[in-house]
Amino acid sequence: MKNNVANYYQNLRTLFDAISASSGYYNLGWAEKGDRSSFNLAQERLVELVIDRLNITPEMTVLDCGCGLGGPLRYASERSNARIMGLEFLSSQIEAGKRAGAYSSANMCLSRGDAVDMPFAASSFDRIYSIESAFHYARKKNFVHEAGRTLKPNGILAVADIVISDQKSRNSYRRFRNSLASPELFTAAAYQNAARDAGFK
């Protein structure tokens, strides 16, 4: 699975470098139906939507799960002056982010590891977010549980992910899941159920 994910991001980098600015945002973005804004703007909007709703303040410690090339991590750092930790599974993504200068701030640091088995102590973070990386995880329930374990009391988890809406989309997904390097996609309800099971409100 790791090789599939590595290949996915190598191919995606080639595509995104051709169609978008070098923002370090490797997400599909967010836009209202009919919106004709640029792809870059849609990417930026998704990052802003997730991070701005977390109400991060300077004294907090924040975890970016699947930080990739570091675009969202850099945005969160600049917006909040909080201590931002990036967790990334692929060393190739970390190295590419370093070459792009994404991890240059003193209040940002990186850890290589797996979001479904986080290398952090309990109650380490005030906020955790994941932007379009969890669809790669084979054990999404473990990821949500690990987020609950490593968040401080009253901490917040925000997940923006590629999800399926119904059985029809599930059947369509099966035809292209290998190209997404995704063993399984959740519905929004499956994420909500996993969060409740992990003790989230």
N, C-alpha and C. Protein backbone atom coordinates (compact mmCIF):
# COMPACT_ATOMS: atom_id res chain seq x y z
N MET A 1 0.82 -1.21 0.00
CA MET A 1 0.00 0.00 0.00
C MET A 1 0.86 1.26 0.00
N LYS A 2 1.96 1.23 0.74
CA LYS A 2 2.82 2.41 0.81
C LYS A 2 3.33 2.80 -0.58
N ASN A 3 3.71 1.80 -1.41
CA ASN A 3 4.18 2.10 -2.76
C ASN A 3 3.08 2.71 -3.61
N ASN A 4 1.84 2.23 -3.42
CA ASN A 4 0.71 2.80 -4.16
C ASN A 4 0.52 4.27 -3.82
N VAL A 5 0.62 4.60 -2.54
CA VAL A 5 0.45 5.98 -2.11
C VAL A 5 1.59 6.85 -2.63
N ALA A 6 2.82 6.32 -2.58
CA ALA A 6 3.97 7.06 -3.09
C ALA A 6 3.81 7.34 -4.58
N ASN A 7 3.37 6.34 -5.34
CA ASN A 7 3.15 6.53 -6.79
C ASN A 7 2.04 7.54 -7.04
N TYR A 8 0.99 7.47 -6.23
CA TYR A 8 -0.13 8.40 -6.38
C TYR A 8 0.37 9.84 -6.27
N TYR A 9 1.18 10.13 -5.26
CA TYR A 9 1.64 11.51 -5.06
C TYR A 9 2.69 11.92 -6.07
N GLN A 10 3.47 10.97 -6.57
CA GLN A 10 4.40 11.31 -7.64
C GLN A 10 3.64 11.73 -8.89
N ASN A 11 2.60 10.98 -9.24
CA ASN A 11 1.77 11.31 -10.39
C ASN A 11 0.99 12.60 -10.16
N LEU A 12 0.47 12.77 -8.95
CA LEU A 12 -0.31 13.96 -8.64
C LEU A 12 0.57 15.21 -8.70
N ARG A 13 1.81 15.08 -8.24
CA ARG A 13 2.72 16.23 -8.27
C ARG A 13 2.93 16.70 -9.71
N THR A 14 3.10 15.75 -10.63
CA THR A 14 3.27 16.10 -12.04
C THR A 14 2.04 16.83 -12.57
N LEU A 15 0.86 16.32 -12.22
CA LEU A 15 -0.39 16.95 -12.66
C LEU A 15 -0.58 18.32 -12.03
N PHE A 16 -0.46 18.40 -10.70
CA PHE A 16 -0.73 19.66 -10.01
C PHE A 16 0.29 20.73 -10.36
N ASP A 17 1.53 20.34 -10.61
CA ASP A 17 2.53 21.32 -11.03
C ASP A 17 2.16 21.93 -12.37
N ALA A 18 1.47 21.15 -13.19
CA ALA A 18 1.08 21.64 -14.51
C ALA A 18 -0.15 22.54 -14.46
N ILE A 19 -1.07 22.31 -13.51
CA ILE A 19 -2.34 23.04 -13.53
C ILE A 19 -2.52 24.01 -12.38
N SER A 20 -1.59 24.05 -11.44
CA SER A 20 -1.78 24.95 -10.30
C SER A 20 -0.46 25.61 -9.92
N ALA A 21 -0.56 26.65 -9.11
CA ALA A 21 0.63 27.32 -8.61
C ALA A 21 1.31 26.43 -7.57
N SER A 22 2.54 26.72 -7.26
CA SER A 22 3.29 25.89 -6.32
C SER A 22 2.97 26.29 -4.89
N SER A 23 1.73 26.02 -4.47
CA SER A 23 1.25 26.42 -3.15
C SER A 23 1.55 25.39 -2.08
N GLY A 24 1.84 24.15 -2.50
CA GLY A 24 1.98 23.06 -1.54
C GLY A 24 0.64 22.50 -1.12
N TYR A 25 -0.45 22.92 -1.80
CA TYR A 25 -1.78 22.38 -1.52
C TYR A 25 -2.05 21.26 -2.50
N TYR A 26 -2.06 20.03 -1.99
CA TYR A 26 -2.34 18.89 -2.86
C TYR A 26 -3.73 18.35 -2.55
N ASN A 27 -4.73 19.23 -2.62
CA ASN A 27 -6.11 18.82 -2.42
C ASN A 27 -6.94 19.23 -3.63
N LEU A 28 -8.10 18.64 -3.75
CA LEU A 28 -8.98 18.96 -4.87
C LEU A 28 -9.74 20.26 -4.66
N GLY A 29 -9.82 20.70 -3.40
CA GLY A 29 -10.41 22.00 -3.13
C GLY A 29 -11.88 21.95 -2.81
N TRP A 30 -12.44 23.15 -2.64
CA TRP A 30 -13.86 23.31 -2.31
C TRP A 30 -14.42 24.50 -3.06
N ALA A 31 -15.58 24.30 -3.67
CA ALA A 31 -16.25 25.38 -4.38
C ALA A 31 -17.75 25.10 -4.40
N GLU A 32 -18.52 26.17 -4.43
CA GLU A 32 -19.96 26.03 -4.60
C GLU A 32 -20.27 25.53 -6.01
N LYS A 33 -21.39 24.86 -6.18
CA LYS A 33 -21.80 24.39 -7.49
C LYS A 33 -21.92 25.58 -8.44
N GLY A 34 -21.31 25.46 -9.61
CA GLY A 34 -21.36 26.53 -10.60
C GLY A 34 -20.26 27.56 -10.47
N ASP A 35 -19.47 27.46 -9.41
CA ASP A 35 -18.37 28.41 -9.20
C ASP A 35 -17.31 28.18 -10.28
N ARG A 36 -16.90 29.25 -10.95
CA ARG A 36 -15.92 29.14 -12.03
C ARG A 36 -14.54 29.66 -11.60
N SER A 37 -14.30 29.73 -10.29
CA SER A 37 -13.01 30.19 -9.80
C SER A 37 -11.91 29.22 -10.20
N SER A 38 -10.69 29.66 -10.07
CA SER A 38 -9.55 28.83 -10.45
C SER A 38 -9.40 27.63 -9.51
N PHE A 39 -8.70 26.64 -10.00
CA PHE A 39 -8.41 25.45 -9.21
C PHE A 39 -7.63 25.83 -7.96
N ASN A 40 -6.64 26.74 -8.15
CA ASN A 40 -5.85 27.19 -7.00
C ASN A 40 -6.72 27.81 -5.91
N LEU A 41 -7.67 28.63 -6.32
CA LEU A 41 -8.55 29.29 -5.35
C LEU A 41 -9.39 28.25 -4.61
N ALA A 42 -9.86 27.24 -5.32
CA ALA A 42 -10.63 26.17 -4.67
C ALA A 42 -9.77 25.44 -3.65
N GLN A 43 -8.51 25.18 -3.99
CA GLN A 43 -7.61 24.52 -3.04
C GLN A 43 -7.42 25.39 -1.80
N GLU A 44 -7.16 26.67 -2.01
CA GLU A 44 -6.96 27.58 -0.89
C GLU A 44 -8.20 27.66 -0.01
N ARG A 45 -9.37 27.68 -0.63
CA ARG A 45 -10.62 27.78 0.15
C ARG A 45 -10.80 26.60 1.08
N LEU A 46 -10.46 25.40 0.60
CA LEU A 46 -10.63 24.22 1.46
C LEU A 46 -9.70 24.31 2.67
N VAL A 47 -8.45 24.69 2.44
CA VAL A 47 -7.50 24.83 3.54
C VAL A 47 -7.99 25.89 4.53
N GLU A 48 -8.42 27.03 4.02
CA GLU A 48 -8.94 28.10 4.88
C GLU A 48 -10.17 27.64 5.65
N LEU A 49 -11.07 26.94 4.98
CA LEU A 49 -12.30 26.48 5.61
C LEU A 49 -11.99 25.59 6.81
N VAL A 50 -11.07 24.66 6.65
CA VAL A 50 -10.74 23.72 7.73
C VAL A 50 -10.00 24.44 8.86
N ILE A 51 -8.95 25.13 8.52
CA ILE A 51 -8.08 25.69 9.55
C ILE A 51 -8.71 26.87 10.27
N ASP A 52 -9.41 27.73 9.54
CA ASP A 52 -10.01 28.90 10.18
C ASP A 52 -11.11 28.51 11.16
N ARG A 53 -11.80 27.41 10.91
CA ARG A 53 -12.86 26.98 11.83
C ARG A 53 -12.32 26.34 13.10
N LEU A 54 -11.04 26.05 13.14
CA LEU A 54 -10.46 25.45 14.34
C LEU A 54 -10.15 26.48 15.41
N ASN A 55 -10.20 27.77 15.06
CA ASN A 55 -9.93 28.83 16.03
C ASN A 55 -8.63 28.58 16.79
N ILE A 56 -7.55 28.41 16.04
CA ILE A 56 -6.24 28.14 16.63
C ILE A 56 -5.68 29.43 17.22
N THR A 57 -5.18 29.36 18.44
CA THR A 57 -4.57 30.51 19.10
C THR A 57 -3.09 30.22 19.36
N PRO A 58 -2.28 31.26 19.59
CA PRO A 58 -0.82 31.07 19.65
C PRO A 58 -0.33 30.07 20.69
N GLU A 59 -1.05 29.89 21.77
CA GLU A 59 -0.55 28.99 22.82
C GLU A 59 -0.84 27.51 22.54
N MET A 60 -1.54 27.23 21.46
CA MET A 60 -1.94 25.86 21.16
C MET A 60 -0.83 25.07 20.46
N THR A 61 -0.97 23.74 20.56
CA THR A 61 -0.15 22.81 19.79
C THR A 61 -1.09 22.06 18.85
N VAL A 62 -0.74 22.06 17.55
CA VAL A 62 -1.64 21.56 16.51
C VAL A 62 -0.94 20.49 15.69
N LEU A 63 -1.70 19.47 15.27
CA LEU A 63 -1.15 18.40 14.43
C LEU A 63 -1.85 18.39 13.08
N ASP A 64 -1.03 18.39 12.02
CA ASP A 64 -1.49 18.24 10.64
C ASP A 64 -1.18 16.81 10.23
N CYS A 65 -2.22 15.96 10.11
CA CYS A 65 -2.04 14.56 9.74
C CYS A 65 -2.00 14.43 8.22
N GLY A 66 -0.93 13.84 7.71
CA GLY A 66 -0.77 13.74 6.27
C GLY A 66 -0.38 15.09 5.69
N CYS A 67 0.65 15.71 6.27
CA CYS A 67 0.97 17.10 5.94
C CYS A 67 1.56 17.27 4.55
N GLY A 68 1.98 16.19 3.90
CA GLY A 68 2.43 16.26 2.52
C GLY A 68 3.54 17.27 2.30
N LEU A 69 3.34 18.17 1.35
CA LEU A 69 4.35 19.18 1.02
C LEU A 69 4.30 20.38 1.94
N GLY A 70 3.33 20.43 2.85
CA GLY A 70 3.34 21.43 3.90
C GLY A 70 2.58 22.71 3.66
N GLY A 71 1.81 22.79 2.58
CA GLY A 71 1.05 24.02 2.32
C GLY A 71 0.08 24.38 3.43
N PRO A 72 -0.83 23.47 3.81
CA PRO A 72 -1.76 23.78 4.91
C PRO A 72 -1.05 24.04 6.24
N LEU A 73 0.02 23.29 6.49
CA LEU A 73 0.79 23.48 7.72
C LEU A 73 1.36 24.90 7.77
N ARG A 74 1.89 25.35 6.63
CA ARG A 74 2.44 26.71 6.56
C ARG A 74 1.34 27.75 6.77
N TYR A 75 0.18 27.51 6.16
CA TYR A 75 -0.95 28.43 6.32
C TYR A 75 -1.36 28.52 7.79
N ALA A 76 -1.49 27.36 8.45
CA ALA A 76 -1.90 27.35 9.86
C ALA A 76 -0.88 28.08 10.73
N SER A 77 0.39 27.89 10.42
CA SER A 77 1.44 28.55 11.19
C SER A 77 1.38 30.06 11.03
N GLU A 78 1.24 30.52 9.80
CA GLU A 78 1.20 31.97 9.54
C GLU A 78 -0.03 32.62 10.13
N ARG A 79 -1.16 31.90 10.12
CA ARG A 79 -2.41 32.47 10.63
C ARG A 79 -2.45 32.57 12.15
N SER A 80 -1.77 31.64 12.84
CA SER A 80 -2.00 31.51 14.27
C SER A 80 -0.78 31.74 15.16
N ASN A 81 0.41 31.58 14.61
CA ASN A 81 1.64 31.59 15.41
C ASN A 81 1.67 30.49 16.47
N ALA A 82 0.82 29.47 16.29
CA ALA A 82 0.83 28.33 17.20
C ALA A 82 1.96 27.38 16.82
N ARG A 83 2.23 26.41 17.69
CA ARG A 83 3.21 25.37 17.37
C ARG A 83 2.50 24.32 16.53
N ILE A 84 2.97 24.13 15.29
CA ILE A 84 2.31 23.22 14.35
C ILE A 84 3.25 22.05 14.07
N MET A 85 2.75 20.84 14.29
CA MET A 85 3.49 19.61 14.01
C MET A 85 2.89 18.97 12.76
N GLY A 86 3.75 18.57 11.84
CA GLY A 86 3.29 17.82 10.67
C GLY A 86 3.63 16.36 10.82
N LEU A 87 2.65 15.49 10.54
CA LEU A 87 2.86 14.04 10.56
C LEU A 87 2.70 13.53 9.13
N GLU A 88 3.73 12.90 8.61
CA GLU A 88 3.70 12.44 7.22
C GLU A 88 4.26 11.03 7.12
N PHE A 89 3.58 10.20 6.35
CA PHE A 89 3.91 8.79 6.16
C PHE A 89 5.06 8.60 5.17
N LEU A 90 5.12 9.46 4.15
CA LEU A 90 6.08 9.29 3.05
C LEU A 90 7.28 10.23 3.20
N SER A 91 8.46 9.66 3.27
CA SER A 91 9.65 10.50 3.35
C SER A 91 9.84 11.32 2.09
N SER A 92 9.37 10.82 0.93
CA SER A 92 9.49 11.57 -0.32
C SER A 92 8.69 12.87 -0.27
N GLN A 93 7.54 12.85 0.40
CA GLN A 93 6.74 14.07 0.54
C GLN A 93 7.45 15.08 1.45
N ILE A 94 8.01 14.59 2.54
CA ILE A 94 8.73 15.47 3.46
C ILE A 94 9.91 16.12 2.76
N GLU A 95 10.67 15.33 2.01
CA GLU A 95 11.84 15.89 1.31
C GLU A 95 11.42 16.90 0.27
N ALA A 96 10.35 16.63 -0.46
CA ALA A 96 9.87 17.59 -1.47
C ALA A 96 9.40 18.87 -0.81
N GLY A 97 8.73 18.76 0.34
CA GLY A 97 8.30 19.94 1.08
C GLY A 97 9.47 20.77 1.57
N LYS A 98 10.50 20.09 2.04
CA LYS A 98 11.70 20.80 2.51
C LYS A 98 12.36 21.55 1.35
N ARG A 99 12.44 20.91 0.18
CA ARG A 99 13.05 21.57 -0.98
C ARG A 99 12.25 22.80 -1.39
N ALA A 100 10.93 22.74 -1.18
CA ALA A 100 10.07 23.87 -1.54
C ALA A 100 10.06 24.95 -0.47
N GLY A 101 10.73 24.70 0.65
CA GLY A 101 10.81 25.70 1.72
C GLY A 101 9.59 25.78 2.59
N ALA A 102 8.77 24.72 2.60
CA ALA A 102 7.50 24.76 3.34
C ALA A 102 7.69 24.69 4.84
N TYR A 103 8.79 24.14 5.30
CA TYR A 103 8.96 23.89 6.73
C TYR A 103 10.02 24.79 7.35
N SER A 104 10.02 26.05 6.94
CA SER A 104 11.11 26.95 7.34
C SER A 104 10.83 27.72 8.64
N SER A 105 9.59 27.75 9.11
CA SER A 105 9.26 28.52 10.30
C SER A 105 9.74 27.81 11.57
N ALA A 106 10.14 28.60 12.55
CA ALA A 106 10.64 28.04 13.81
C ALA A 106 9.56 27.32 14.60
N ASN A 107 8.28 27.68 14.38
CA ASN A 107 7.22 27.04 15.15
C ASN A 107 6.58 25.86 14.42
N MET A 108 7.24 25.38 13.36
CA MET A 108 6.79 24.19 12.66
C MET A 108 7.82 23.08 12.82
N CYS A 109 7.33 21.85 13.00
CA CYS A 109 8.25 20.70 13.03
C CYS A 109 7.56 19.51 12.38
N LEU A 110 8.36 18.53 12.04
CA LEU A 110 7.87 17.37 11.30
C LEU A 110 8.15 16.08 12.05
N SER A 111 7.26 15.13 11.86
CA SER A 111 7.49 13.79 12.37
C SER A 111 7.05 12.81 11.28
N ARG A 112 7.88 11.82 11.01
CA ARG A 112 7.50 10.79 10.05
C ARG A 112 6.78 9.70 10.80
N GLY A 113 5.59 9.35 10.34
CA GLY A 113 4.83 8.32 11.02
C GLY A 113 3.47 8.10 10.39
N ASP A 114 2.72 7.20 10.97
CA ASP A 114 1.45 6.75 10.44
C ASP A 114 0.31 7.29 11.31
N ALA A 115 -0.66 7.92 10.68
CA ALA A 115 -1.77 8.53 11.43
C ALA A 115 -2.67 7.51 12.09
N VAL A 116 -2.60 6.25 11.68
CA VAL A 116 -3.43 5.23 12.33
C VAL A 116 -2.71 4.60 13.54
N ASP A 117 -1.48 5.01 13.77
CA ASP A 117 -0.70 4.55 14.93
C ASP A 117 0.28 5.67 15.28
N MET A 118 -0.24 6.75 15.83
CA MET A 118 0.53 7.97 16.00
C MET A 118 1.64 7.82 17.03
N PRO A 119 2.82 8.37 16.72
CA PRO A 119 3.96 8.26 17.64
C PRO A 119 3.98 9.37 18.69
N PHE A 120 2.81 9.66 19.29
CA PHE A 120 2.70 10.75 20.24
C PHE A 120 2.02 10.27 21.52
N ALA A 121 2.35 10.92 22.62
CA ALA A 121 1.71 10.61 23.90
C ALA A 121 0.26 11.08 23.91
N ALA A 122 -0.51 10.52 24.81
CA ALA A 122 -1.90 10.96 24.99
C ALA A 122 -1.93 12.44 25.37
N SER A 123 -2.98 13.11 24.94
CA SER A 123 -3.24 14.52 25.29
C SER A 123 -2.08 15.44 24.87
N SER A 124 -1.59 15.24 23.65
CA SER A 124 -0.48 16.05 23.16
C SER A 124 -0.91 17.30 22.41
N PHE A 125 -2.14 17.31 21.86
CA PHE A 125 -2.53 18.37 20.93
C PHE A 125 -3.85 19.03 21.32
N ASP A 126 -3.94 20.32 21.00
CA ASP A 126 -5.19 21.06 21.18
C ASP A 126 -6.11 20.91 19.97
N ARG A 127 -5.50 20.78 18.80
CA ARG A 127 -6.25 20.66 17.55
C ARG A 127 -5.53 19.65 16.65
N ILE A 128 -6.32 18.87 15.92
CA ILE A 128 -5.79 17.97 14.90
C ILE A 128 -6.64 18.15 13.65
N TYR A 129 -5.98 18.23 12.50
CA TYR A 129 -6.74 18.27 11.25
C TYR A 129 -6.09 17.38 10.21
N SER A 130 -6.90 16.97 9.25
CA SER A 130 -6.43 16.14 8.13
C SER A 130 -7.18 16.63 6.89
N ILE A 131 -6.43 17.03 5.88
CA ILE A 131 -7.04 17.55 4.65
C ILE A 131 -6.70 16.61 3.50
N GLU A 132 -7.69 15.87 3.04
CA GLU A 132 -7.58 14.95 1.91
C GLU A 132 -6.36 14.05 1.98
N SER A 133 -6.20 13.41 3.13
CA SER A 133 -5.18 12.36 3.23
C SER A 133 -5.77 11.08 3.82
N ALA A 134 -6.83 11.20 4.60
CA ALA A 134 -7.37 10.03 5.31
C ALA A 134 -7.97 9.00 4.35
N PHE A 135 -8.32 9.40 3.14
CA PHE A 135 -8.89 8.41 2.21
C PHE A 135 -7.87 7.32 1.86
N HIS A 136 -6.58 7.58 2.12
CA HIS A 136 -5.55 6.56 1.90
C HIS A 136 -5.51 5.52 3.03
N TYR A 137 -6.04 5.85 4.20
CA TYR A 137 -5.85 5.00 5.37
C TYR A 137 -6.73 3.75 5.28
N ALA A 138 -6.10 2.61 5.47
CA ALA A 138 -6.86 1.36 5.46
C ALA A 138 -7.69 1.20 6.72
N ARG A 139 -7.27 1.84 7.81
CA ARG A 139 -7.96 1.71 9.09
C ARG A 139 -8.38 3.10 9.60
N LYS A 140 -9.38 3.64 8.95
CA LYS A 140 -9.82 5.00 9.28
C LYS A 140 -10.34 5.10 10.72
N LYS A 141 -10.97 4.05 11.21
CA LYS A 141 -11.45 4.07 12.60
C LYS A 141 -10.27 4.20 13.57
N ASN A 142 -9.16 3.53 13.24
CA ASN A 142 -7.96 3.67 14.08
C ASN A 142 -7.45 5.10 14.07
N PHE A 143 -7.48 5.74 12.91
CA PHE A 143 -7.06 7.14 12.82
C PHE A 143 -7.91 8.02 13.73
N VAL A 144 -9.21 7.86 13.67
CA VAL A 144 -10.10 8.68 14.50
C VAL A 144 -9.86 8.39 15.98
N HIS A 145 -9.67 7.12 16.32
CA HIS A 145 -9.39 6.76 17.71
C HIS A 145 -8.06 7.37 18.17
N GLU A 146 -7.04 7.30 17.33
CA GLU A 146 -5.74 7.88 17.67
C GLU A 146 -5.84 9.39 17.83
N ALA A 147 -6.65 10.03 17.00
CA ALA A 147 -6.86 11.47 17.16
C ALA A 147 -7.49 11.76 18.52
N GLY A 148 -8.47 10.95 18.91
CA GLY A 148 -9.10 11.13 20.21
C GLY A 148 -8.12 10.90 21.36
N ARG A 149 -7.24 9.93 21.20
CA ARG A 149 -6.25 9.63 22.25
C ARG A 149 -5.25 10.76 22.41
N THR A 150 -4.81 11.34 21.32
CA THR A 150 -3.73 12.33 21.37
C THR A 150 -4.23 13.77 21.54
N LEU A 151 -5.54 13.98 21.45
CA LEU A 151 -6.09 15.31 21.71
C LEU A 151 -6.23 15.55 23.21
N LYS A 152 -6.03 16.77 23.61
CA LYS A 152 -6.29 17.17 24.99
C LYS A 152 -7.80 17.23 25.23
N PRO A 153 -8.24 17.23 26.48
CA PRO A 153 -9.68 17.40 26.75
C PRO A 153 -10.19 18.66 26.07
N ASN A 154 -11.35 18.56 25.45
CA ASN A 154 -11.98 19.64 24.69
C ASN A 154 -11.22 19.99 23.42
N GLY A 155 -10.31 19.12 23.00
CA GLY A 155 -9.63 19.33 21.72
C GLY A 155 -10.59 19.10 20.56
N ILE A 156 -10.17 19.50 19.38
CA ILE A 156 -11.03 19.41 18.19
C ILE A 156 -10.30 18.70 17.07
N LEU A 157 -11.01 17.79 16.40
CA LEU A 157 -10.54 17.12 15.20
C LEU A 157 -11.35 17.61 14.01
N ALA A 158 -10.67 18.03 12.93
CA ALA A 158 -11.33 18.42 11.69
C ALA A 158 -10.79 17.56 10.56
N VAL A 159 -11.69 16.95 9.79
CA VAL A 159 -11.30 16.09 8.67
C VAL A 159 -12.04 16.55 7.42
N ALA A 160 -11.27 16.89 6.39
CA ALA A 160 -11.83 17.14 5.07
C ALA A 160 -11.29 16.02 4.18
N ASP A 161 -12.17 15.24 3.61
CA ASP A 161 -11.71 14.04 2.91
C ASP A 161 -12.56 13.78 1.67
N ILE A 162 -12.08 12.91 0.82
CA ILE A 162 -12.86 12.41 -0.30
C ILE A 162 -13.78 11.33 0.26
N VAL A 163 -15.07 11.52 0.13
CA VAL A 163 -16.05 10.58 0.68
C VAL A 163 -17.01 10.14 -0.41
N ILE A 164 -17.72 9.07 -0.14
CA ILE A 164 -18.79 8.64 -1.04
C ILE A 164 -20.12 8.96 -0.41
N SER A 165 -21.13 9.18 -1.25
CA SER A 165 -22.41 9.64 -0.73
C SER A 165 -23.46 8.54 -0.60
N ASP A 166 -23.37 7.51 -1.44
CA ASP A 166 -24.42 6.49 -1.43
C ASP A 166 -23.89 5.22 -2.10
N GLN A 167 -24.76 4.21 -2.22
CA GLN A 167 -24.34 2.94 -2.79
C GLN A 167 -23.92 3.08 -4.25
N LYS A 168 -24.58 3.96 -4.99
CA LYS A 168 -24.22 4.15 -6.40
C LYS A 168 -22.79 4.67 -6.52
N SER A 169 -22.44 5.65 -5.69
CA SER A 169 -21.07 6.17 -5.74
C SER A 169 -20.08 5.14 -5.22
N ARG A 170 -20.53 4.29 -4.28
CA ARG A 170 -19.65 3.21 -3.79
C ARG A 170 -19.30 2.25 -4.93
N ASN A 171 -20.30 1.89 -5.74
CA ASN A 171 -20.05 0.99 -6.87
C ASN A 171 -19.13 1.65 -7.90
N SER A 172 -19.33 2.93 -8.16
CA SER A 172 -18.45 3.65 -9.10
C SER A 172 -17.04 3.73 -8.55
N TYR A 173 -16.93 3.97 -7.26
CA TYR A 173 -15.62 4.10 -6.61
C TYR A 173 -14.78 2.85 -6.78
N ARG A 174 -15.42 1.68 -6.71
CA ARG A 174 -14.67 0.43 -6.79
C ARG A 174 -13.87 0.34 -8.09
N ARG A 175 -14.34 1.05 -9.15
CA ARG A 175 -13.67 0.98 -10.43
C ARG A 175 -12.40 1.83 -10.48
N PHE A 176 -12.29 2.84 -9.60
CA PHE A 176 -11.11 3.69 -9.69
C PHE A 176 -10.35 3.83 -8.37
N ARG A 177 -10.65 2.98 -7.38
CA ARG A 177 -10.00 3.14 -6.08
C ARG A 177 -8.49 2.91 -6.15
N ASN A 178 -8.03 2.03 -7.07
CA ASN A 178 -6.58 1.82 -7.18
C ASN A 178 -5.87 3.07 -7.64
N SER A 179 -6.50 3.84 -8.54
CA SER A 179 -5.86 5.08 -9.00
C SER A 179 -5.82 6.12 -7.89
N LEU A 180 -6.71 6.02 -6.91
CA LEU A 180 -6.69 6.91 -5.75
C LEU A 180 -5.77 6.39 -4.64
N ALA A 181 -5.24 5.19 -4.81
CA ALA A 181 -4.45 4.55 -3.75
C ALA A 181 -5.24 4.54 -2.45
N SER A 182 -6.49 4.09 -2.57
CA SER A 182 -7.40 4.09 -1.43
C SER A 182 -8.00 2.70 -1.25
N PRO A 183 -7.80 2.07 -0.11
CA PRO A 183 -8.40 0.76 0.10
C PRO A 183 -9.90 0.81 0.35
N GLU A 184 -10.38 1.99 0.79
CA GLU A 184 -11.79 2.13 1.13
C GLU A 184 -12.11 3.61 1.32
N LEU A 185 -13.26 4.03 0.83
CA LEU A 185 -13.73 5.38 1.12
C LEU A 185 -14.87 5.30 2.12
N PHE A 186 -14.91 6.24 3.04
CA PHE A 186 -15.99 6.35 4.01
C PHE A 186 -17.07 7.28 3.47
N THR A 187 -18.27 7.12 4.01
CA THR A 187 -19.29 8.16 3.89
C THR A 187 -19.05 9.15 5.03
N ALA A 188 -19.68 10.31 4.94
CA ALA A 188 -19.59 11.28 6.05
C ALA A 188 -20.16 10.65 7.32
N ALA A 189 -21.23 9.87 7.18
CA ALA A 189 -21.85 9.23 8.34
C ALA A 189 -20.90 8.23 8.99
N ALA A 190 -20.09 7.53 8.19
CA ALA A 190 -19.13 6.57 8.76
C ALA A 190 -18.08 7.30 9.59
N TYR A 191 -17.65 8.47 9.13
CA TYR A 191 -16.72 9.27 9.95
C TYR A 191 -17.39 9.71 11.25
N GLN A 192 -18.64 10.13 11.16
CA GLN A 192 -19.35 10.57 12.37
C GLN A 192 -19.51 9.41 13.35
N ASN A 193 -19.83 8.23 12.85
CA ASN A 193 -19.96 7.06 13.71
C ASN A 193 -18.63 6.70 14.36
N ALA A 194 -17.55 6.75 13.57
CA ALA A 194 -16.23 6.45 14.13
C ALA A 194 -15.87 7.46 15.21
N ALA A 195 -16.23 8.72 14.99
CA ALA A 195 -15.94 9.75 15.99
C ALA A 195 -16.71 9.50 17.28
N ARG A 196 -17.98 9.15 17.15
CA ARG A 196 -18.77 8.86 18.36
C ARG A 196 -18.17 7.66 19.11
N ASP A 197 -17.78 6.63 18.36
CA ASP A 197 -17.20 5.43 18.98
C ASP A 197 -15.89 5.77 19.71
N ALA A 198 -15.18 6.79 19.20
CA ALA A 198 -13.91 7.19 19.82
C ALA A 198 -14.09 8.19 20.96
N GLY A 199 -15.35 8.54 21.25
CA GLY A 199 -15.62 9.42 22.37
C GLY A 199 -15.77 10.89 22.02
N PHE A 200 -15.79 11.23 20.73
CA PHE A 200 -16.00 12.61 20.33
C PHE A 200 -17.46 13.01 20.50
N LYS A 201 -17.67 14.31 20.71
CA LYS A 201 -19.02 14.85 20.74
C LYS A 201 -19.24 15.69 19.50
